[in-house]
Amino acid sequence: MNQVDILEKAPVFQLKGSMLALTILELSTNDLDSLDTQLAEKVEQAPQFFQDAPIILAIDKCHSGAHDINLECLISVCRSHGLRTLAVRAENPEHIAAATALNLAVLPPSDARERPLAHAPAAEAAMQPSVIPARIITHPVRSGQQIYAKNTDLIVMAAVSAGAELLADGNIHVYGPLRGRALAGINGNLEARIFCQQLGAEMLSIAGQYKVAEDLRRDPLWGKATQTSLNEEQLYICAL
């Protein structure tokens, strides 16, 4: 915990450290209509997950129409879907000035560089396995961390803390206490399931249908080993 004393004998305020989960929304093009449509699709999959979610708006890698970005309109589109912009990642002086005028924090550009995908010959591509191995995490997932398993299952061999987020297009398996948020089948997979050794989640979601902690705590299986599936647009929790 950090503490700042303005007066030696009578401190006026204190700064206290905390862990806050932030999502980075990285734009590749300045197409607000497409952004609006894509955000609507994501929010529909998990409304509770995006409601009042704090984000960093990254426009430093925007290629198409970068000089014509209207930051105020861009933030307004994000806000209409429940996303709250806390900071802007930018390198263009005009974008930095616009963010400053809106009283937003400005972060330096990301050092990560995009790498073009190599195109494999058709014969070589045909030899690739059709099954994508599950993503396996062997360490605890701590508050503020977000892990996504794209087009596959996510397996966590340790505890998941409150404030952590698990996302998978397939199933989610947690071999330990699940206290954070778990969103399975986020690409619309209605057959996805969530397995955990100890149910204590802040939120469970499958293909956009969800239950938050307030509902989950009333379930008789709270704190026990469970599996969660989707049954006629309702989450069904049963003993594992």
Foldseek 3Di string as FASTA:
>chain_A
DFFDAPDPVDRPDTDDDDAAAEAEDEAQEQDLVVVLVVLVLLCQQAVVVQALGEYEYELANHDYCSVVDDPVVNQVSSVVSRYHYQAYEHDDPVVVVNCVVVVHHYDYHDPDDDDDDDDDDPVVVVPDDPADDEAEAEDEAEANEEDEAEPHEHEYAEEYADNYEYYYCAEYEYAYEYAYEYEYNSVQPQFHKYWYAFANYQKYGYRRQIDGNVVVVPDPCHGGTWMWHADPSHIDIDHD
